[in-house]
């Protein structure tokens, strides 16, 4: 299990300058953010065809991550519980395909969340045009 990160490493987890500024200032206005977990993802591998043809359709398969599903589920559950302890409410939603939570938290709470093990990044939840 990873230990606590240095203050600079924690600040780098915030993927926008505005989020970084709000965290440093200890902003009390709640923000909705995307909290990305450091979870293993399956790898996409090309599978060699059994017969060679000029117009063969490429085949692919997903190679399972080294860590077990139960370990990944434990990380997700533990992180959800810790986010709830920090913010006083459960994360709004878990997005399994990206391994991320939607969370509403203040700048000070986000600083504590960023210090949790398995947190790899915190993104602003904004539209980009």
Foldseek 3Di string as FASTA:
>chain_A
DDAFDDPVQLLVQEPDPVLSVQLVVQFQAKAKKKWAFQDDDWDKDWDDDPDDDPDDDTDIDTHDDPDDPVVLVVVLVVLQVVLCVLAVHGFPDADVVRRITTHIDGSNSSSVSSRDHRTRHMYHPDDDD
